[in-house]
Amino acid sequence: MKLSEISVFLNGELQGNPDLEIINVGKIETAKRDEISFISNPLYEKFYNNTNAGALILSKDFEIKNNRTDLSVIRVQDPYLAFVSVVELLTKEEFEDETGISDFCSVGKNCELGEEILISDFVHIGNNCKIEKGVKIYSNCSLGKNVIIGENSVLKANVTIYNGCRIGKNVIIHSGTVIGSDGFGFAQQSNGIFKKIPQNGIVVIEDDVEIGSNCCVDRATLGETRICRGVKIDNQVQIAHNVVIGEDTVIVAQAGISGSTKIGKRCMIGGKVGIVGHLTICDDVIIGAAVGVSKSISKPGIYAGYRAKPIKEELKQEAYIKNLEELRNRIIKLEKNK
């Protein structure tokens, strides 16, 4: 596309060559003359002077100290969101034509198959499933019976959906993820042997959710495990039985959420976070990386540390710990001077 067309699409302010042809979005460090890049993080401002990109997306208040006549600029309110929009614009047709049902797939009895769907090689779909319009199911996926997949959802290769689970519209599930496997439920008997508790519930994933690779979302013991609208889940995340994840919450890689925990809306959960079961976390909570959450959180804010404390409290304790050696030496000195 011409740079002028991209600028109009972004409702931006163009400075430079409107006729420059852009074929792709590139990293600012390695972009070429026919690519566009962006700066939203101050750490990347240093690349402005030497990038080979043909154009950059900048914020309206970005200060240009060294004006380059060979570099065009589009100024916008939010460069990062504008970059996302340009990526979508330049790649939106890449997979649009992929439709059809492979001769090497297996579709069970009494299934409803919508229009313009893709079912790739070696996909297995159980009885009584409903696959709505525009769904794409890639190779080696396995769907149990009574599964529903909503419009325009995408299952990448090797995704497994167990019996009865429901997937909403515009959901993306990446390779290796398992939806609806049994929750980890066992009762210890008097002889010490563990007896399995039947897991008879389902998983419900609402619209506009994206789940990364190699995640596990366990079915409920009874009722539902529910991932609400707009949730984004990174790779290798474990979500246990009867968990509820509120709308627009983000969960980063290797987090583990134990059974029956309820997480509110718009939360951000860092990598390697571990959350104990049967807790409630309110809306608008940010939990830092590698935090252990052992108690419910009832106030919005940022939480950090080994036992999930408010960030200011955690920073104070860190400061005390740093001074422990000095305090120890002072005590020893005082003891000697008695």
Protein backbone atom coordinates (compact mmCIF):
# COMPACT_ATOMS: atom_id res chain seq x y z
CA MET A 1 0.00 0.00 0.00
CA LYS A 2 1.05 3.59 -0.46
CA LEU A 3 2.08 5.36 2.71
CA SER A 4 -0.66 7.94 2.16
CA GLU A 5 -3.28 5.14 2.23
CA ILE A 6 -1.85 3.79 5.49
CA SER A 7 -1.89 7.27 7.00
CA VAL A 8 -5.56 7.75 6.10
CA PHE A 9 -6.37 4.30 7.52
CA LEU A 10 -4.71 5.28 10.81
CA ASN A 11 -6.18 8.78 10.82
CA GLY A 12 -2.59 9.94 11.25
CA GLU A 13 -0.51 12.95 10.29
CA LEU A 14 1.88 12.12 7.43
CA GLN A 15 5.28 13.77 7.15
CA GLY A 16 7.30 12.61 4.16
CA ASN A 17 6.73 10.76 0.89
CA PRO A 18 3.02 9.92 0.40
CA ASP A 19 3.79 7.69 -2.63
CA LEU A 20 6.19 5.38 -0.79
CA GLU A 21 5.13 1.74 -1.37
CA ILE A 22 4.94 -0.32 1.83
CA ILE A 23 4.76 -4.12 1.58
CA ASN A 24 5.27 -5.19 5.18
CA VAL A 25 5.77 -4.22 8.83
CA GLY A 26 9.32 -4.73 10.10
CA LYS A 27 11.32 -4.60 13.33
CA ILE A 28 12.89 -1.21 13.70
CA GLU A 29 16.37 -2.77 13.99
CA THR A 30 16.11 -4.77 10.73
CA ALA A 31 13.36 -3.12 8.66
CA LYS A 32 13.97 -2.43 4.97
CA ARG A 33 13.12 0.55 2.78
CA ASP A 34 9.77 -0.92 1.72
CA GLU A 35 8.72 -1.66 5.32
CA ILE A 36 7.13 0.41 8.06
CA SER A 37 8.03 0.18 11.75
CA PHE A 38 7.11 2.04 14.93
CA ILE A 39 8.39 3.47 18.21
CA SER A 40 6.22 3.29 21.32
CA ASN A 41 8.76 2.29 23.99
CA PRO A 42 11.41 4.88 24.96
CA LEU A 43 14.03 2.10 24.86
CA TYR A 44 13.71 2.05 21.07
CA GLU A 45 14.00 5.79 20.47
CA LYS A 46 17.74 5.32 19.87
CA PHE A 47 16.97 3.45 16.63
CA TYR A 48 15.36 6.50 15.03
CA ASN A 49 18.71 7.78 13.74
CA ASN A 50 19.88 4.57 12.04
CA THR A 51 16.85 2.48 11.10
CA ASN A 52 16.61 1.51 7.42
CA ALA A 53 12.81 1.46 7.50
CA GLY A 54 11.07 3.56 4.89
CA ALA A 55 8.61 4.94 7.44
CA LEU A 56 7.95 5.04 11.16
CA ILE A 57 4.79 5.33 13.22
CA LEU A 58 5.42 7.79 16.05
CA SER A 59 3.39 9.40 18.79
CA LYS A 60 2.23 12.97 18.27
CA ASP A 61 4.56 14.22 21.00
CA PHE A 62 7.67 12.29 19.87
CA GLU A 63 10.52 14.80 19.67
CA ILE A 64 12.65 14.47 16.54
CA LYS A 65 16.12 15.78 17.32
CA ASN A 66 17.74 14.83 14.02
CA ASN A 67 15.40 15.35 11.07
CA ARG A 68 15.96 12.71 8.36
CA THR A 69 14.86 13.53 4.82
CA ASP A 70 15.03 9.82 3.86
CA LEU A 71 12.56 8.73 6.54
CA SER A 72 8.82 9.33 6.41
CA VAL A 73 6.75 9.57 9.58
CA ILE A 74 3.11 8.99 10.51
CA ARG A 75 2.15 10.59 13.81
CA VAL A 76 -0.71 9.03 15.78
CA GLN A 77 -2.09 9.06 19.31
CA ASP A 78 -1.01 5.50 20.18
CA PRO A 79 1.83 4.06 18.03
CA TYR A 80 1.50 0.53 19.42
CA LEU A 81 -2.19 0.18 18.61
CA ALA A 82 -1.55 1.76 15.23
CA PHE A 83 1.18 -0.82 14.56
CA VAL A 84 -1.28 -3.63 15.40
CA SER A 85 -3.81 -2.15 12.99
CA VAL A 86 -1.25 -1.94 10.18
CA VAL A 87 -0.21 -5.58 10.71
CA GLU A 88 -3.86 -6.61 10.43
CA LEU A 89 -4.32 -4.43 7.37
CA LEU A 90 -1.35 -5.87 5.47
CA THR A 91 -1.99 -9.53 6.36
CA LYS A 92 -5.79 -9.80 6.57
CA GLU A 93 -6.15 -11.73 3.31
CA GLU A 94 -3.44 -14.30 4.05
CA PHE A 95 -5.81 -17.04 5.27
CA GLU A 96 -9.19 -15.80 4.05
CA ASP A 97 -9.41 -18.30 1.19
CA GLU A 98 -8.72 -21.42 3.27
CA THR A 99 -11.97 -23.35 3.21
CA GLY A 100 -13.05 -26.91 2.54
CA ILE A 101 -13.34 -30.28 4.23
CA SER A 102 -10.46 -32.72 3.79
CA ASP A 103 -11.06 -36.24 2.52
CA PHE A 104 -8.75 -37.40 5.30
CA CYS A 105 -10.81 -36.12 8.24
CA SER A 106 -13.48 -37.88 10.29
CA VAL A 107 -16.83 -36.21 11.02
CA GLY A 108 -19.28 -37.98 13.32
CA LYS A 109 -23.02 -38.45 13.06
CA ASN A 110 -25.59 -35.65 13.35
CA CYS A 111 -23.03 -32.86 13.11
CA GLU A 112 -23.96 -29.37 11.92
CA LEU A 113 -21.32 -27.86 9.64
CA GLY A 114 -21.57 -24.18 8.76
CA GLU A 115 -20.61 -22.40 5.57
CA GLU A 116 -17.07 -21.37 4.61
CA ILE A 117 -15.38 -23.65 7.15
CA LEU A 118 -12.02 -25.39 6.98
CA ILE A 119 -11.48 -28.91 8.33
CA SER A 120 -7.92 -30.03 7.58
CA ASP A 121 -6.33 -33.46 7.28
CA PHE A 122 -6.66 -35.96 10.13
CA VAL A 123 -9.14 -33.93 12.14
CA HIS A 124 -11.59 -36.00 14.21
CA ILE A 125 -14.99 -34.54 15.09
CA GLY A 126 -17.29 -36.56 17.36
CA ASN A 127 -21.04 -37.03 17.11
CA ASN A 128 -23.56 -34.21 17.53
CA CYS A 129 -21.05 -31.37 17.18
CA LYS A 130 -21.89 -27.94 15.83
CA ILE A 131 -19.26 -26.11 13.77
CA GLU A 132 -20.50 -22.63 12.86
CA LYS A 133 -19.74 -20.42 9.85
CA GLY A 134 -16.14 -19.47 9.11
CA VAL A 135 -14.50 -21.85 11.60
CA LYS A 136 -11.01 -23.13 10.76
CA ILE A 137 -9.83 -26.43 12.28
CA TYR A 138 -6.27 -27.38 11.37
CA SER A 139 -4.58 -30.78 11.15
CA ASN A 140 -4.75 -33.40 13.89
CA CYS A 141 -7.32 -31.61 16.04
CA SER A 142 -9.68 -33.82 18.02
CA LEU A 143 -13.19 -32.81 19.10
CA GLY A 144 -15.27 -35.01 21.37
CA LYS A 145 -19.03 -35.36 21.07
CA ASN A 146 -21.49 -32.47 21.63
CA VAL A 147 -18.82 -29.79 21.11
CA ILE A 148 -19.85 -26.36 19.83
CA ILE A 149 -17.40 -24.07 17.98
CA GLY A 150 -18.67 -20.52 17.36
CA GLU A 151 -18.36 -18.45 14.19
CA ASN A 152 -14.90 -17.54 12.85
CA SER A 153 -13.01 -19.37 15.58
CA VAL A 154 -9.67 -21.00 14.79
CA LEU A 155 -8.21 -24.20 16.22
CA LYS A 156 -4.54 -24.55 15.29
CA ALA A 157 -2.95 -27.97 14.76
CA ASN A 158 -3.16 -30.60 17.53
CA VAL A 159 -5.79 -28.90 19.68
CA THR A 160 -8.02 -31.24 21.71
CA ILE A 161 -11.55 -30.31 22.82
CA TYR A 162 -13.22 -32.82 25.15
CA ASN A 163 -16.91 -33.80 25.18
CA GLY A 164 -19.52 -31.11 25.68
CA CYS A 165 -17.24 -28.08 25.75
CA ARG A 166 -18.45 -24.83 24.17
CA ILE A 167 -16.24 -22.40 22.29
CA GLY A 168 -17.56 -18.93 21.42
CA LYS A 169 -17.09 -16.69 18.39
CA ASN A 170 -13.74 -15.33 17.17
CA VAL A 171 -11.76 -17.56 19.53
CA ILE A 172 -8.17 -18.58 18.68
CA ILE A 173 -6.68 -21.67 20.32
CA HIS A 174 -3.06 -22.45 19.50
CA SER A 175 -1.34 -25.78 18.96
CA GLY A 176 -1.15 -28.39 21.68
CA THR A 177 -3.76 -26.89 23.96
CA VAL A 178 -6.28 -29.17 25.69
CA ILE A 179 -9.73 -27.89 26.61
CA GLY A 180 -11.87 -29.97 28.96
CA SER A 181 -9.49 -32.56 30.37
CA ASP A 182 -10.41 -33.89 33.81
CA GLY A 183 -9.87 -31.62 36.77
CA PHE A 184 -7.37 -32.82 39.38
CA GLY A 185 -9.86 -34.23 41.85
CA PHE A 186 -9.05 -37.12 44.20
CA ALA A 187 -10.33 -38.07 47.67
CA GLN A 188 -7.98 -39.87 50.04
CA GLN A 189 -9.54 -42.92 51.65
CA SER A 190 -8.87 -44.38 55.09
CA ASN A 191 -6.34 -46.80 53.61
CA GLY A 192 -4.39 -43.91 52.07
CA ILE A 193 -5.40 -44.71 48.52
CA PHE A 194 -6.77 -41.86 46.43
CA LYS A 195 -10.17 -42.32 44.79
CA LYS A 196 -10.87 -40.33 41.63
CA ILE A 197 -13.71 -37.79 41.84
CA PRO A 198 -15.76 -37.85 38.61
CA GLN A 199 -15.38 -34.65 36.60
CA ASN A 200 -18.79 -34.23 35.01
CA GLY A 201 -18.81 -30.54 34.09
CA ILE A 202 -17.66 -28.72 30.96
CA VAL A 203 -15.54 -25.77 29.83
CA VAL A 204 -17.17 -22.67 28.37
CA ILE A 205 -14.97 -20.23 26.45
CA GLU A 206 -16.74 -17.01 25.55
CA ASP A 207 -16.22 -14.79 22.49
CA ASP A 208 -12.93 -13.10 21.48
CA VAL A 209 -10.69 -15.24 23.69
CA GLU A 210 -7.17 -16.24 22.63
CA ILE A 211 -5.35 -19.16 24.27
CA GLY A 212 -1.67 -19.89 23.58
CA SER A 213 0.11 -23.17 22.90
CA ASN A 214 0.24 -26.11 25.32
CA CYS A 215 -2.28 -24.76 27.80
CA CYS A 216 -4.68 -26.88 29.85
CA VAL A 217 -8.16 -25.75 30.82
CA ASP A 218 -9.77 -28.43 32.98
CA ARG A 219 -13.46 -29.28 32.89
CA ALA A 220 -15.51 -28.57 36.01
CA THR A 221 -16.23 -31.20 38.62
CA LEU A 222 -19.83 -30.00 38.36
CA GLY A 223 -21.08 -27.07 36.29
CA GLU A 224 -18.59 -25.01 34.29
CA THR A 225 -15.03 -23.80 34.08
CA ARG A 226 -15.57 -20.45 32.36
CA ILE A 227 -13.19 -18.21 30.42
CA CYS A 228 -15.07 -14.96 29.87
CA ARG A 229 -15.11 -12.66 26.85
CA GLY A 230 -11.86 -11.08 25.72
CA VAL A 231 -9.49 -13.06 27.97
CA LYS A 232 -5.95 -13.53 26.59
CA ILE A 233 -3.90 -16.49 27.83
CA ASP A 234 -0.21 -17.02 27.04
CA ASN A 235 1.53 -20.37 26.46
CA GLN A 236 1.80 -23.15 29.07
CA VAL A 237 -0.88 -21.93 31.46
CA GLN A 238 -2.83 -24.31 33.73
CA ILE A 239 -6.43 -23.44 34.64
CA ALA A 240 -8.04 -25.93 37.00
CA HIS A 241 -11.63 -27.12 37.42
CA ASN A 242 -14.43 -24.64 38.16
CA VAL A 243 -12.19 -21.59 37.72
CA VAL A 244 -13.80 -18.42 36.37
CA ILE A 245 -11.63 -15.86 34.55
CA GLY A 246 -13.30 -12.44 34.18
CA GLU A 247 -13.56 -10.39 31.01
CA ASP A 248 -10.43 -8.84 29.42
CA THR A 249 -8.04 -10.46 31.88
CA VAL A 250 -4.52 -11.32 30.67
CA ILE A 251 -2.57 -14.33 31.97
CA VAL A 252 1.14 -14.72 31.13
CA ALA A 253 3.09 -17.94 30.51
CA GLN A 254 3.47 -20.71 33.09
CA ALA A 255 0.89 -19.35 35.51
CA GLY A 256 -1.15 -21.90 37.45
CA ILE A 257 -4.63 -21.23 38.79
CA SER A 258 -6.03 -23.77 41.24
CA GLY A 259 -9.57 -25.05 41.37
CA SER A 260 -12.66 -22.93 42.04
CA THR A 261 -10.75 -19.63 42.03
CA LYS A 262 -12.66 -16.62 40.72
CA ILE A 263 -10.62 -13.92 38.96
CA GLY A 264 -12.19 -10.57 38.14
CA LYS A 265 -12.24 -8.39 35.05
CA ARG A 266 -9.24 -6.60 33.54
CA CYS A 267 -6.68 -8.35 35.74
CA MET A 268 -3.07 -8.90 34.63
CA ILE A 269 -1.39 -12.03 35.96
CA GLY A 270 2.37 -12.30 35.44
CA GLY A 271 4.45 -15.28 34.40
CA LYS A 272 4.88 -18.19 36.85
CA VAL A 273 2.21 -16.86 39.20
CA GLY A 274 0.66 -19.55 41.40
CA ILE A 275 -2.83 -19.02 42.80
CA VAL A 276 -4.25 -21.22 45.56
CA GLY A 277 -7.71 -22.70 45.06
CA HIS A 278 -11.05 -21.30 46.22
CA LEU A 279 -9.83 -17.67 46.24
CA THR A 280 -11.49 -14.56 44.86
CA ILE A 281 -9.49 -11.84 43.11
CA CYS A 282 -11.36 -8.61 42.44
CA ASP A 283 -11.38 -6.57 39.24
CA ASP A 284 -8.33 -4.53 38.08
CA VAL A 285 -5.63 -6.42 39.97
CA ILE A 286 -2.06 -6.68 38.62
CA ILE A 287 0.02 -9.57 40.00
CA GLY A 288 3.76 -9.48 39.31
CA ALA A 289 5.81 -12.38 37.98
CA ALA A 290 6.49 -15.46 40.14
CA VAL A 291 4.13 -14.35 42.92
CA GLY A 292 2.38 -16.87 45.14
CA VAL A 293 -1.20 -15.86 45.92
CA SER A 294 -2.45 -17.63 49.05
CA LYS A 295 -5.25 -15.27 50.11
CA SER A 296 -8.12 -13.55 48.32
CA ILE A 297 -7.50 -10.02 47.02
CA SER A 298 -10.32 -7.55 47.54
CA LYS A 299 -8.72 -4.23 46.53
CA PRO A 300 -7.55 -3.26 43.01
CA GLY A 301 -3.84 -2.52 42.69
CA ILE A 302 -0.40 -3.99 42.01
CA TYR A 303 0.73 -6.97 44.07
CA ALA A 304 4.22 -8.46 44.26
CA GLY A 305 6.48 -10.57 46.46
CA TYR A 306 6.51 -14.18 47.57
CA ARG A 307 3.09 -13.89 49.26
CA ALA A 308 1.34 -11.28 47.08
CA LYS A 309 1.58 -8.05 49.05
CA PRO A 310 0.72 -4.55 47.79
CA ILE A 311 3.70 -3.29 45.80
CA LYS A 312 4.61 -0.43 48.18
CA GLU A 313 4.68 -2.79 51.14
CA GLU A 314 6.81 -5.27 49.21
CA LEU A 315 9.32 -2.59 48.16
CA LYS A 316 9.67 -1.42 51.77
CA GLN A 317 10.42 -4.96 52.91
CA GLU A 318 13.00 -5.36 50.15
CA ALA A 319 14.68 -2.17 51.32
CA TYR A 320 14.80 -3.50 54.91
CA ILE A 321 16.33 -6.77 53.73
CA LYS A 322 19.05 -4.93 51.83
CA ASN A 323 20.01 -3.15 55.04
CA LEU A 324 20.09 -6.28 57.22
CA GLU A 325 23.85 -6.78 56.94
CA GLU A 326 24.56 -3.19 57.90
CA LEU A 327 22.16 -3.43 60.86
CA ARG A 328 23.79 -6.71 61.93
CA ASN A 329 27.26 -5.13 61.91
CA ARG A 330 25.98 -2.18 63.95
CA ILE A 331 24.47 -4.52 66.54
CA ILE A 332 27.72 -6.50 66.81
CA LYS A 333 29.64 -3.24 67.27
CA LEU A 334 27.24 -2.06 69.96
CA GLU A 335 27.49 -5.39 71.79
CA LYS A 336 31.28 -5.17 71.82
CA ASN A 337 31.18 -1.63 73.25
CA LYS A 338 29.01 -2.56 76.23
